[in-house]
């Protein structure tokens, strides 16, 4: 992929994100266990409104992030109604990423009632993510 192709892809992603922001219903979970698309503008309000939320900090170019994405989607379905899942693209949302000093991705942060309670850095197996979720569901 050339530098020009990468820039075009970034522009497409920003345009898509802008379109999604203009339709708030698309950035929220549809009730069927889908991860919520988070942005710098929606981050604080969304996490504070969830009893337990796992946020996946990721980027399009990140191979390990692509490995974790299907696991997050699967867990979102399995824990629907119990745990909320969010995805935040670090390239497009630097404010939230910097607020939590995200320097390595994928980074999964666990929030309970809006407060950071746990985290995982790197592509880890499903059972490791699930153990963190169960720990905070039971507390």
N, C-alpha and C. Protein backbone atom coordinates (compact mmCIF):
# COMPACT_ATOMS: atom_id res chain seq x y z
N UNK A 1 0.84 -1.17 0.00
CA UNK A 1 0.00 0.00 0.00
C UNK A 1 0.90 1.24 0.00
N UNK A 2 0.64 2.17 -0.90
CA UNK A 2 1.45 3.37 -0.99
C UNK A 2 1.02 4.39 0.07
N UNK A 3 1.81 5.40 0.24
CA UNK A 3 1.49 6.47 1.19
C UNK A 3 0.19 7.15 0.78
N UNK A 4 0.00 7.35 -0.51
CA UNK A 4 -1.23 7.96 -1.00
C UNK A 4 -2.44 7.09 -0.69
N UNK A 5 -2.31 5.78 -0.90
CA UNK A 5 -3.40 4.85 -0.58
C UNK A 5 -3.74 4.89 0.90
N UNK A 6 -2.71 4.96 1.74
CA UNK A 6 -2.94 5.03 3.18
C UNK A 6 -3.66 6.31 3.57
N UNK A 7 -3.28 7.42 2.95
CA UNK A 7 -3.93 8.70 3.25
C UNK A 7 -5.39 8.68 2.78
N UNK A 8 -5.65 8.11 1.63
CA UNK A 8 -7.02 7.99 1.12
C UNK A 8 -7.86 7.14 2.08
N UNK A 9 -7.28 6.05 2.57
CA UNK A 9 -7.98 5.19 3.52
C UNK A 9 -8.29 5.94 4.81
N UNK A 10 -7.35 6.73 5.31
CA UNK A 10 -7.59 7.53 6.52
C UNK A 10 -8.71 8.52 6.30
N UNK A 11 -8.73 9.15 5.14
CA UNK A 11 -9.79 10.12 4.83
C UNK A 11 -11.14 9.41 4.78
N UNK A 12 -11.19 8.24 4.15
CA UNK A 12 -12.43 7.46 4.10
C UNK A 12 -12.92 7.13 5.51
N UNK A 13 -11.99 6.71 6.36
CA UNK A 13 -12.36 6.35 7.73
C UNK A 13 -12.90 7.56 8.50
N UNK A 14 -12.26 8.73 8.31
CA UNK A 14 -12.74 9.95 8.99
C UNK A 14 -14.13 10.32 8.49
N UNK A 15 -14.35 10.21 7.19
CA UNK A 15 -15.67 10.53 6.62
C UNK A 15 -16.73 9.57 7.16
N UNK A 16 -16.40 8.28 7.21
CA UNK A 16 -17.33 7.29 7.74
C UNK A 16 -17.65 7.60 9.20
N UNK A 17 -16.64 7.92 9.98
CA UNK A 17 -16.85 8.25 11.39
C UNK A 17 -17.74 9.48 11.52
N UNK A 18 -17.52 10.48 10.69
CA UNK A 18 -18.35 11.69 10.72
C UNK A 18 -19.81 11.35 10.39
N UNK A 19 -20.00 10.48 9.43
CA UNK A 19 -21.37 10.07 9.08
C UNK A 19 -22.03 9.34 10.24
N UNK A 20 -21.28 8.46 10.89
CA UNK A 20 -21.82 7.72 12.03
C UNK A 20 -22.16 8.66 13.19
N UNK A 21 -21.37 9.69 13.39
CA UNK A 21 -21.63 10.64 14.47
C UNK A 21 -22.91 11.42 14.21
N UNK A 22 -23.26 11.62 12.95
CA UNK A 22 -24.49 12.33 12.63
C UNK A 22 -25.73 11.47 12.82
N UNK A 23 -25.53 10.17 13.04
CA UNK A 23 -26.64 9.24 13.28
C UNK A 23 -26.36 8.51 14.59
N UNK A 24 -26.75 9.11 15.74
CA UNK A 24 -26.40 8.53 17.02
C UNK A 24 -26.88 7.10 17.21
N UNK A 25 -27.96 6.72 16.59
CA UNK A 25 -28.45 5.36 16.78
C UNK A 25 -27.48 4.33 16.23
N UNK A 26 -26.66 4.70 15.26
CA UNK A 26 -25.69 3.76 14.71
C UNK A 26 -24.49 3.57 15.63
N UNK A 27 -24.21 4.55 16.48
CA UNK A 27 -23.04 4.42 17.35
C UNK A 27 -23.39 3.72 18.66
N UNK A 28 -24.63 3.41 18.87
CA UNK A 28 -25.04 2.73 20.07
C UNK A 28 -25.31 1.26 19.77
N UNK A 29 -25.28 0.46 20.81
CA UNK A 29 -25.56 -0.96 20.66
C UNK A 29 -27.00 -1.14 20.18
N UNK A 30 -27.23 -2.12 19.33
CA UNK A 30 -28.58 -2.35 18.83
C UNK A 30 -29.35 -3.34 19.69
N UNK A 31 -28.83 -3.65 20.86
CA UNK A 31 -29.53 -4.56 21.75
C UNK A 31 -29.28 -6.02 21.45
N UNK A 32 -28.51 -6.32 20.43
CA UNK A 32 -28.23 -7.70 20.06
C UNK A 32 -26.79 -8.08 20.36
N UNK A 33 -26.19 -7.40 21.31
CA UNK A 33 -24.84 -7.74 21.70
C UNK A 33 -23.76 -7.27 20.76
N UNK A 34 -23.96 -6.14 20.12
CA UNK A 34 -22.95 -5.58 19.22
C UNK A 34 -22.10 -4.58 19.99
N UNK A 35 -20.79 -4.53 19.73
CA UNK A 35 -19.96 -3.51 20.36
C UNK A 35 -20.40 -2.10 19.93
N UNK A 36 -20.28 -1.17 20.84
CA UNK A 36 -20.64 0.23 20.60
C UNK A 36 -19.42 0.94 20.02
N UNK A 37 -19.60 1.68 18.94
CA UNK A 37 -18.52 2.48 18.38
C UNK A 37 -18.39 3.75 19.21
N UNK A 38 -17.23 3.93 19.82
CA UNK A 38 -16.99 5.09 20.67
C UNK A 38 -16.14 6.12 19.94
N UNK A 39 -16.32 7.37 20.31
CA UNK A 39 -15.51 8.47 19.79
C UNK A 39 -15.07 9.33 20.97
N UNK A 40 -14.19 10.28 20.70
CA UNK A 40 -13.80 11.21 21.76
C UNK A 40 -15.02 11.94 22.33
N UNK A 41 -15.99 12.23 21.45
CA UNK A 41 -17.17 12.97 21.88
C UNK A 41 -18.14 12.12 22.70
N UNK A 42 -18.20 10.82 22.45
CA UNK A 42 -19.19 9.98 23.13
C UNK A 42 -18.59 9.13 24.25
N UNK A 43 -17.29 9.13 24.40
CA UNK A 43 -16.62 8.20 25.30
C UNK A 43 -17.09 8.33 26.75
N UNK A 44 -16.90 9.49 27.35
CA UNK A 44 -17.21 9.68 28.77
C UNK A 44 -18.66 9.36 29.10
N UNK A 45 -19.56 9.91 28.32
CA UNK A 45 -20.99 9.69 28.59
C UNK A 45 -21.36 8.22 28.45
N UNK A 46 -20.82 7.56 27.44
CA UNK A 46 -21.16 6.15 27.21
C UNK A 46 -20.65 5.26 28.33
N UNK A 47 -19.39 5.40 28.72
CA UNK A 47 -18.86 4.51 29.76
C UNK A 47 -19.51 4.78 31.11
N UNK A 48 -19.88 6.03 31.38
CA UNK A 48 -20.49 6.33 32.67
C UNK A 48 -21.91 5.80 32.76
N UNK A 49 -22.54 5.52 31.63
CA UNK A 49 -23.91 4.99 31.62
C UNK A 49 -23.97 3.47 31.61
N UNK A 50 -22.82 2.80 31.68
CA UNK A 50 -22.79 1.34 31.63
C UNK A 50 -22.33 0.78 32.97
N UNK A 51 -23.03 -0.21 33.53
CA UNK A 51 -22.57 -0.81 34.79
C UNK A 51 -21.19 -1.47 34.66
N UNK A 52 -20.96 -2.18 33.56
CA UNK A 52 -19.67 -2.82 33.29
C UNK A 52 -19.42 -2.73 31.80
N UNK A 53 -18.27 -2.18 31.43
CA UNK A 53 -17.96 -2.00 30.01
C UNK A 53 -16.50 -2.31 29.73
N UNK A 54 -16.27 -3.06 28.65
CA UNK A 54 -14.94 -3.36 28.17
C UNK A 54 -14.74 -2.54 26.89
N UNK A 55 -13.69 -1.72 26.87
CA UNK A 55 -13.41 -0.88 25.71
C UNK A 55 -12.14 -1.38 25.02
N UNK A 56 -12.27 -1.66 23.74
CA UNK A 56 -11.17 -2.11 22.89
C UNK A 56 -10.58 -0.89 22.18
N UNK A 57 -9.36 -0.52 22.56
CA UNK A 57 -8.62 0.56 21.88
C UNK A 57 -7.84 -0.11 20.75
N UNK A 58 -8.11 0.28 19.52
CA UNK A 58 -7.58 -0.41 18.35
C UNK A 58 -7.23 0.57 17.24
N UNK A 59 -6.63 0.06 16.16
CA UNK A 59 -6.37 0.84 14.94
C UNK A 59 -6.50 -0.08 13.75
N UNK A 60 -6.87 0.49 12.64
CA UNK A 60 -7.09 -0.26 11.40
C UNK A 60 -5.84 -1.01 10.95
N UNK A 61 -4.67 -0.42 11.10
CA UNK A 61 -3.42 -0.99 10.61
C UNK A 61 -2.83 -2.05 11.54
N UNK A 62 -3.43 -2.26 12.70
CA UNK A 62 -2.87 -3.12 13.74
C UNK A 62 -3.30 -4.58 13.55
N UNK A 63 -2.36 -5.44 13.20
CA UNK A 63 -2.65 -6.86 13.01
C UNK A 63 -3.21 -7.54 14.25
N UNK A 64 -2.56 -7.38 15.41
CA UNK A 64 -3.11 -7.99 16.62
C UNK A 64 -4.52 -7.48 16.96
N UNK A 65 -4.81 -6.22 16.62
CA UNK A 65 -6.16 -5.68 16.85
C UNK A 65 -7.19 -6.45 16.01
N UNK A 66 -6.80 -6.78 14.78
CA UNK A 66 -7.70 -7.54 13.91
C UNK A 66 -7.91 -8.96 14.44
N UNK A 67 -6.92 -9.48 15.17
CA UNK A 67 -7.07 -10.81 15.76
C UNK A 67 -8.04 -10.77 16.95
N UNK A 68 -8.03 -9.68 17.71
CA UNK A 68 -8.87 -9.56 18.90
C UNK A 68 -10.31 -9.18 18.54
N UNK A 69 -10.51 -8.47 17.43
CA UNK A 69 -11.84 -7.97 17.06
C UNK A 69 -12.93 -9.04 17.04
N UNK A 70 -12.73 -10.20 16.41
CA UNK A 70 -13.80 -11.20 16.43
C UNK A 70 -14.08 -11.76 17.82
N UNK A 71 -13.06 -11.79 18.67
CA UNK A 71 -13.26 -12.25 20.05
C UNK A 71 -14.15 -11.26 20.80
N UNK A 72 -13.90 -9.97 20.60
CA UNK A 72 -14.71 -8.94 21.25
C UNK A 72 -16.16 -9.04 20.77
N UNK A 73 -16.35 -9.23 19.47
CA UNK A 73 -17.71 -9.37 18.95
C UNK A 73 -18.41 -10.60 19.53
N UNK A 74 -17.68 -11.70 19.64
CA UNK A 74 -18.24 -12.92 20.19
C UNK A 74 -18.61 -12.72 21.67
N UNK A 75 -17.73 -12.11 22.44
CA UNK A 75 -18.02 -11.85 23.85
C UNK A 75 -19.19 -10.89 24.02
N UNK A 76 -19.29 -9.91 23.11
CA UNK A 76 -20.42 -8.96 23.17
C UNK A 76 -21.74 -9.71 23.01
N UNK A 77 -21.78 -10.69 22.13
CA UNK A 77 -22.99 -11.49 21.96
C UNK A 77 -23.24 -12.37 23.18
N UNK A 78 -22.19 -13.02 23.67
CA UNK A 78 -22.34 -13.95 24.79
C UNK A 78 -22.72 -13.25 26.09
N UNK A 79 -22.24 -12.03 26.28
CA UNK A 79 -22.51 -11.29 27.52
C UNK A 79 -23.55 -10.19 27.33
N UNK A 80 -24.31 -10.26 26.26
CA UNK A 80 -25.33 -9.27 25.97
C UNK A 80 -26.28 -9.13 27.16
N UNK A 81 -26.51 -7.90 27.58
CA UNK A 81 -27.39 -7.64 28.72
C UNK A 81 -26.66 -7.63 30.05
N UNK A 82 -25.42 -8.12 30.08
CA UNK A 82 -24.64 -8.16 31.32
C UNK A 82 -23.44 -7.22 31.26
N UNK A 83 -22.77 -7.21 30.11
CA UNK A 83 -21.56 -6.40 29.92
C UNK A 83 -21.68 -5.68 28.58
N UNK A 84 -21.30 -4.41 28.57
CA UNK A 84 -21.27 -3.66 27.31
C UNK A 84 -19.85 -3.67 26.78
N UNK A 85 -19.72 -3.65 25.48
CA UNK A 85 -18.41 -3.61 24.83
C UNK A 85 -18.36 -2.41 23.92
N UNK A 86 -17.22 -1.74 23.91
CA UNK A 86 -17.02 -0.59 23.04
C UNK A 86 -15.73 -0.73 22.26
N UNK A 87 -15.68 -0.04 21.12
CA UNK A 87 -14.48 -0.03 20.29
C UNK A 87 -14.13 1.43 20.02
N UNK A 88 -12.86 1.78 20.25
CA UNK A 88 -12.42 3.14 20.02
C UNK A 88 -11.17 3.11 19.15
N UNK A 89 -11.26 3.68 17.96
CA UNK A 89 -10.14 3.76 17.03
C UNK A 89 -9.19 4.85 17.53
N UNK A 90 -7.97 4.45 17.93
CA UNK A 90 -7.02 5.39 18.53
C UNK A 90 -6.52 6.44 17.54
N UNK A 91 -6.47 6.10 16.26
CA UNK A 91 -6.01 7.07 15.26
C UNK A 91 -7.01 8.20 15.07
N UNK A 92 -8.28 7.89 15.19
CA UNK A 92 -9.32 8.88 14.96
C UNK A 92 -9.78 9.57 16.24
N UNK A 93 -9.37 9.04 17.39
CA UNK A 93 -9.83 9.57 18.68
C UNK A 93 -8.68 9.71 19.66
N UNK A 94 -7.80 10.68 19.42
CA UNK A 94 -6.61 10.81 20.25
C UNK A 94 -6.88 11.30 21.68
N UNK A 95 -7.97 11.99 21.90
CA UNK A 95 -8.23 12.54 23.24
C UNK A 95 -8.44 11.43 24.26
N UNK A 96 -9.36 10.51 23.98
CA UNK A 96 -9.61 9.40 24.91
C UNK A 96 -8.38 8.50 25.02
N UNK A 97 -7.72 8.27 23.92
CA UNK A 97 -6.51 7.42 23.93
C UNK A 97 -5.43 8.02 24.81
N UNK A 98 -5.22 9.31 24.69
CA UNK A 98 -4.20 9.99 25.50
C UNK A 98 -4.62 10.08 26.96
N UNK A 99 -5.90 10.24 27.22
CA UNK A 99 -6.38 10.34 28.60
C UNK A 99 -6.04 9.08 29.39
N UNK A 100 -6.02 7.93 28.73
CA UNK A 100 -5.71 6.67 29.39
C UNK A 100 -4.30 6.18 29.05
N UNK A 101 -3.50 7.08 28.47
CA UNK A 101 -2.10 6.81 28.14
C UNK A 101 -1.92 5.51 27.36
N UNK A 102 -2.76 5.32 26.35
CA UNK A 102 -2.68 4.14 25.50
C UNK A 102 -1.45 4.28 24.61
N UNK A 103 -0.48 3.41 24.82
CA UNK A 103 0.75 3.43 24.03
C UNK A 103 0.95 2.15 23.24
N UNK A 104 0.24 1.10 23.63
CA UNK A 104 0.30 -0.18 22.92
C UNK A 104 -1.12 -0.64 22.65
N UNK A 105 -1.32 -1.17 21.45
CA UNK A 105 -2.64 -1.68 21.11
C UNK A 105 -2.49 -3.10 20.57
N UNK A 106 -3.51 -3.91 20.67
CA UNK A 106 -4.79 -3.60 21.28
C UNK A 106 -4.65 -3.44 22.80
N UNK A 107 -5.47 -2.56 23.33
CA UNK A 107 -5.56 -2.37 24.78
C UNK A 107 -7.04 -2.49 25.14
N UNK A 108 -7.33 -3.36 26.08
CA UNK A 108 -8.70 -3.54 26.54
C UNK A 108 -8.78 -2.98 27.95
N UNK A 109 -9.63 -1.98 28.15
CA UNK A 109 -9.81 -1.40 29.47
C UNK A 109 -11.20 -1.76 29.98
N UNK A 110 -11.27 -2.11 31.26
CA UNK A 110 -12.54 -2.50 31.88
C UNK A 110 -12.98 -1.37 32.79
N UNK A 111 -14.20 -0.89 32.58
CA UNK A 111 -14.77 0.19 33.37
C UNK A 111 -15.99 -0.33 34.12
N UNK A 112 -16.08 0.03 35.39
CA UNK A 112 -17.23 -0.33 36.20
C UNK A 112 -17.84 0.98 36.69
N UNK A 113 -19.08 1.22 36.26
CA UNK A 113 -19.78 2.47 36.60
C UNK A 113 -18.93 3.69 36.24
N UNK A 114 -18.26 3.62 35.09
CA UNK A 114 -17.49 4.75 34.59
C UNK A 114 -16.08 4.86 35.11
N UNK A 115 -15.69 4.00 36.04
CA UNK A 115 -14.34 4.06 36.60
C UNK A 115 -13.48 2.90 36.08
N UNK A 116 -12.25 3.22 35.73
CA UNK A 116 -11.32 2.21 35.24
C UNK A 116 -10.97 1.25 36.38
N UNK A 117 -11.20 -0.06 36.15
CA UNK A 117 -10.92 -1.06 37.19
C UNK A 117 -9.92 -2.12 36.75
N UNK A 118 -9.66 -2.25 35.45
CA UNK A 118 -8.76 -3.31 34.99
C UNK A 118 -8.38 -3.06 33.54
N UNK A 119 -7.41 -3.80 33.06
CA UNK A 119 -7.00 -3.68 31.67
C UNK A 119 -6.13 -4.83 31.22
N UNK A 120 -6.07 -4.99 29.92
CA UNK A 120 -5.25 -6.01 29.28
C UNK A 120 -4.58 -5.36 28.08
N UNK A 121 -3.28 -5.57 27.95
CA UNK A 121 -2.54 -5.04 26.80
C UNK A 121 -2.14 -6.21 25.91
N UNK A 122 -2.38 -6.06 24.62
CA UNK A 122 -1.96 -7.07 23.66
C UNK A 122 -3.07 -8.02 23.26
N UNK A 123 -2.77 -8.81 22.25
CA UNK A 123 -3.73 -9.81 21.76
C UNK A 123 -3.63 -11.03 22.67
N UNK A 124 -4.68 -11.24 23.44
CA UNK A 124 -4.70 -12.36 24.38
C UNK A 124 -5.85 -13.30 24.02
N UNK A 125 -5.80 -14.54 24.48
CA UNK A 125 -6.87 -15.48 24.18
C UNK A 125 -8.19 -15.08 24.85
N UNK A 126 -9.26 -15.58 24.29
CA UNK A 126 -10.60 -15.28 24.78
C UNK A 126 -10.74 -15.57 26.27
N UNK A 127 -10.21 -16.69 26.73
CA UNK A 127 -10.39 -17.07 28.13
C UNK A 127 -9.76 -16.06 29.09
N UNK A 128 -8.70 -15.37 28.66
CA UNK A 128 -8.08 -14.36 29.52
C UNK A 128 -8.97 -13.12 29.64
N UNK A 129 -9.57 -12.72 28.54
CA UNK A 129 -10.49 -11.58 28.56
C UNK A 129 -11.71 -11.94 29.40
N UNK A 130 -12.20 -13.14 29.18
CA UNK A 130 -13.39 -13.60 29.89
C UNK A 130 -13.14 -13.69 31.40
N UNK A 131 -11.94 -14.07 31.81
CA UNK A 131 -11.64 -14.16 33.25
C UNK A 131 -11.70 -12.78 33.90
N UNK A 132 -11.24 -11.75 33.20
CA UNK A 132 -11.34 -10.38 33.72
C UNK A 132 -12.79 -9.95 33.83
N UNK A 133 -13.57 -10.29 32.82
CA UNK A 133 -15.00 -9.93 32.83
C UNK A 133 -15.69 -10.60 34.01
N UNK A 134 -15.48 -11.90 34.18
CA UNK A 134 -16.12 -12.64 35.27
C UNK A 134 -15.71 -12.11 36.63
N UNK A 135 -14.45 -11.73 36.76
CA UNK A 135 -13.96 -11.17 38.02
C UNK A 135 -14.78 -9.94 38.41
N UNK A 136 -15.03 -9.07 37.46
CA UNK A 136 -15.74 -7.81 37.76
C UNK A 136 -17.25 -7.97 37.74
N UNK A 137 -17.75 -8.97 37.08
CA UNK A 137 -19.19 -9.26 37.15
C UNK A 137 -19.57 -9.76 38.54
N UNK A 138 -18.67 -10.51 39.16
CA UNK A 138 -18.95 -11.11 40.47
C UNK A 138 -18.66 -10.18 41.63
N UNK A 139 -18.03 -9.04 41.40
CA UNK A 139 -17.72 -8.09 42.48
C UNK A 139 -18.72 -6.97 42.53
